[in-house]
Amino acid sequence: TNGAPDPSQLDSLVERVVPMLSQQTAATLRRNRLSAEQESAVVELLRRKGWEQQSSAPISALDGILRRHFMHKTKFATKTRPQEVDIACGLGKTVVLAMECKVTNDETNSVKRINDVLKKASAWHAHWGSFVQTAALLQGVIAIKDVERLLEARVHVFWSHDLARFDSWIDGQTGT
């Protein structure tokens, strides 16, 4: 009918929609909490290694972040508009690592997260060339094809459960 729904139709709608919304809300909250934990783990690792945290400020020149220094939640200039980065690390010789921390709940969700990393990596590379390297710290269910897409785009891939690999890699980049 074209009239307003009757009370039983409204009850039926609520019974169907509320569980779906609750499930999505819970998944988003979980993903955000895990992403914050990822970022904290990287920050703590860098601090233990003696890295200094700089106050977050937009990076518009490569000397804006010093060797063995990092910023948490800052923005990198691009040709169009600045792109936020979870953690920026000064590797030295005017090379900066832009690390994105991504948690996914399922393979479908991972496409969105990986596309976000690829979009940012492309924008940074177009603006800075090889002076900005991009990394993704991943956790959760991610399709192998999405990991391959990152690697093909020259994004360094690390996993939350194996931060020791990132630890070794960053030592190799800074000569420590």
Protein backbone atom coordinates (compact mmCIF):
# COMPACT_ATOMS: atom_id res chain seq x y z
CA THR A 1 0.00 0.00 0.00
CA ASN A 2 1.00 3.62 -0.42
CA GLY A 3 -0.06 4.64 3.11
CA ALA A 4 2.00 4.93 6.24
CA PRO A 5 3.28 1.64 7.68
CA ASP A 6 1.17 0.07 10.37
CA PRO A 7 2.67 -0.72 13.81
CA SER A 8 3.33 -4.38 12.96
CA GLN A 9 5.28 -3.38 9.84
CA LEU A 10 7.36 -0.94 11.90
CA ASP A 11 8.04 -3.61 14.53
CA SER A 12 9.12 -6.03 11.81
CA LEU A 13 11.46 -3.45 10.31
CA VAL A 14 13.05 -2.68 13.67
CA GLU A 15 13.50 -6.40 14.42
CA ARG A 16 15.42 -6.82 11.17
CA VAL A 17 17.43 -3.59 11.04
CA VAL A 18 18.63 -3.24 14.64
CA PRO A 19 20.66 -6.48 14.68
CA MET A 20 22.35 -5.53 11.40
CA LEU A 21 23.21 -2.05 12.68
CA SER A 22 24.45 -3.46 15.99
CA GLN A 23 26.72 -5.92 14.21
CA GLN A 24 28.21 -3.18 12.00
CA THR A 25 28.68 -0.84 14.96
CA ALA A 26 30.44 -3.55 16.98
CA ALA A 27 32.72 -4.43 14.05
CA THR A 28 33.64 -0.76 13.51
CA LEU A 29 34.38 -0.20 17.20
CA ARG A 30 36.53 -3.34 17.31
CA ARG A 31 38.44 -2.32 14.17
CA ASN A 32 39.06 1.20 15.51
CA ARG A 33 40.30 -0.17 18.86
CA LEU A 34 42.63 -2.64 17.18
CA SER A 35 43.93 0.05 14.81
CA ALA A 36 44.72 2.33 17.78
CA GLU A 37 46.54 -0.61 19.42
CA GLN A 38 48.57 -1.13 16.23
CA GLU A 39 49.62 2.50 16.17
CA SER A 40 50.52 2.42 19.87
CA ALA A 41 52.64 -0.70 19.35
CA VAL A 42 54.64 1.02 16.59
CA VAL A 43 55.05 4.20 18.65
CA GLU A 44 56.28 2.17 21.64
CA LEU A 45 58.67 0.16 19.45
CA LEU A 46 60.17 3.36 18.05
CA ARG A 47 60.51 4.88 21.52
CA ARG A 48 62.26 1.75 22.83
CA LYS A 49 64.69 2.08 19.92
CA GLY A 50 65.51 5.63 21.05
CA TRP A 51 63.55 7.42 18.36
CA GLU A 52 62.23 10.88 19.25
CA GLN A 53 58.61 11.86 18.73
CA GLN A 54 58.13 15.21 17.01
CA SER A 55 54.96 17.23 17.42
CA SER A 56 52.64 16.43 14.57
CA ALA A 57 52.61 19.13 11.93
CA PRO A 58 51.88 18.98 8.22
CA ILE A 59 54.91 17.74 6.29
CA SER A 60 55.44 19.98 3.29
CA ALA A 61 59.23 19.53 3.00
CA LEU A 62 61.22 16.36 3.49
CA ASP A 63 63.42 17.95 6.11
CA GLY A 64 60.28 18.42 8.21
CA ILE A 65 60.96 15.14 9.94
CA LEU A 66 64.45 14.37 11.17
CA ARG A 67 66.34 11.07 10.99
CA ARG A 68 65.24 8.67 13.75
CA HIS A 69 62.29 10.91 14.60
CA PHE A 70 58.61 10.17 14.05
CA MET A 71 55.22 11.83 14.05
CA HIS A 72 51.95 10.17 14.98
CA LYS A 73 48.86 11.26 13.01
CA THR A 74 50.13 13.94 10.68
CA LYS A 75 49.60 14.93 7.06
CA PHE A 76 51.87 14.72 4.03
CA ALA A 77 51.61 17.26 1.25
CA THR A 78 50.58 15.94 -2.16
CA LYS A 79 49.94 17.62 -5.51
CA THR A 80 46.26 18.05 -4.64
CA ARG A 81 45.49 17.95 -0.93
CA PRO A 82 47.41 16.67 2.09
CA GLN A 83 46.86 13.00 2.99
CA GLU A 84 46.82 11.87 6.62
CA VAL A 85 49.35 9.27 7.66
CA ASP A 86 49.21 7.21 10.84
CA ILE A 87 52.96 7.28 11.52
CA ALA A 88 55.70 9.15 9.65
CA CYS A 89 59.30 8.08 10.30
CA GLY A 90 62.45 9.97 9.33
CA LEU A 91 64.74 7.36 7.79
CA GLY A 92 67.52 9.82 6.98
CA LYS A 93 68.93 11.16 3.71
CA THR A 94 65.61 13.00 3.25
CA VAL A 95 63.69 9.71 3.04
CA VAL A 96 60.48 9.40 5.05
CA LEU A 97 58.42 6.30 5.76
CA ALA A 98 54.66 6.79 5.69
CA MET A 99 53.09 3.93 7.64
CA GLU A 100 49.41 3.14 7.53
CA CYS A 101 47.91 0.83 10.18
CA LYS A 102 44.97 -1.19 8.89
CA VAL A 103 42.72 -3.72 10.59
CA THR A 104 40.06 -5.60 8.67
CA ASN A 105 37.23 -7.85 9.79
CA ASP A 106 36.85 -9.75 6.53
CA GLU A 107 38.13 -9.96 2.96
CA THR A 108 35.39 -7.64 1.67
CA ASN A 109 36.31 -4.99 4.23
CA SER A 110 39.99 -5.40 3.39
CA VAL A 111 39.45 -4.09 -0.14
CA LYS A 112 38.44 -0.69 1.24
CA ARG A 113 41.41 -0.57 3.63
CA ILE A 114 43.91 -1.62 0.95
CA ASN A 115 42.45 0.85 -1.56
CA ASP A 116 42.96 3.62 1.01
CA VAL A 117 46.65 2.72 1.37
CA LEU A 118 47.12 2.48 -2.40
CA LYS A 119 45.45 5.85 -2.99
CA LYS A 120 47.69 7.56 -0.43
CA ALA A 121 50.84 5.78 -1.66
CA SER A 122 50.11 6.89 -5.21
CA ALA A 123 49.54 10.51 -4.15
CA TRP A 124 52.72 10.58 -2.05
CA HIS A 125 54.79 8.97 -4.78
CA ALA A 126 53.45 11.39 -7.42
CA HIS A 127 54.41 14.35 -5.22
CA TRP A 128 57.62 13.17 -3.53
CA GLY A 129 58.95 10.40 -5.78
CA SER A 130 61.15 7.86 -4.05
CA PHE A 131 61.76 10.16 -1.08
CA VAL A 132 58.62 8.81 0.57
CA GLN A 133 58.31 5.08 1.10
CA THR A 134 54.95 3.66 2.11
CA ALA A 135 54.32 0.80 4.50
CA ALA A 136 51.17 -0.95 5.66
CA LEU A 137 50.92 -2.64 9.04
CA LEU A 138 48.12 -5.17 8.60
CA GLN A 139 45.96 -7.21 10.93
CA GLY A 140 42.89 -9.33 10.39
CA VAL A 141 41.45 -11.15 7.41
CA ILE A 142 43.01 -9.90 4.20
CA ALA A 143 42.79 -11.54 0.80
CA ILE A 144 46.15 -12.54 -0.65
CA LYS A 145 45.27 -10.65 -3.84
CA ASP A 146 45.08 -7.44 -1.76
CA VAL A 147 48.50 -8.07 -0.21
CA GLU A 148 49.85 -8.66 -3.73
CA ARG A 149 48.34 -5.34 -4.87
CA LEU A 150 50.24 -3.56 -2.10
CA LEU A 151 53.51 -5.27 -2.98
CA GLU A 152 53.06 -4.48 -6.69
CA ALA A 153 52.65 -0.80 -5.73
CA ARG A 154 55.97 -0.95 -3.80
CA VAL A 155 54.26 -0.71 -0.41
CA HIS A 156 56.22 -2.47 2.33
CA VAL A 157 53.91 -4.92 4.09
CA PHE A 158 54.26 -5.79 7.77
CA TRP A 159 51.97 -7.69 10.12
CA SER A 160 50.95 -6.75 13.66
CA HIS A 161 51.80 -10.22 14.95
CA ASP A 162 55.39 -9.89 13.59
CA LEU A 163 56.59 -6.42 14.60
CA ALA A 164 60.10 -7.87 14.95
CA ARG A 165 60.29 -7.90 11.15
CA PHE A 166 59.45 -4.18 11.03
CA ASP A 167 61.97 -3.59 13.83
CA SER A 168 64.75 -5.24 11.78
CA TRP A 169 63.68 -3.53 8.58
CA ILE A 170 63.74 -0.05 10.08
CA ASP A 171 67.19 -0.69 11.55
CA GLY A 172 68.37 -1.55 8.05
CA GLN A 173 66.92 1.68 6.69
CA THR A 174 68.58 3.90 9.30
CA GLY A 175 71.89 2.07 9.51
CA THR A 176 71.51 1.05 13.16
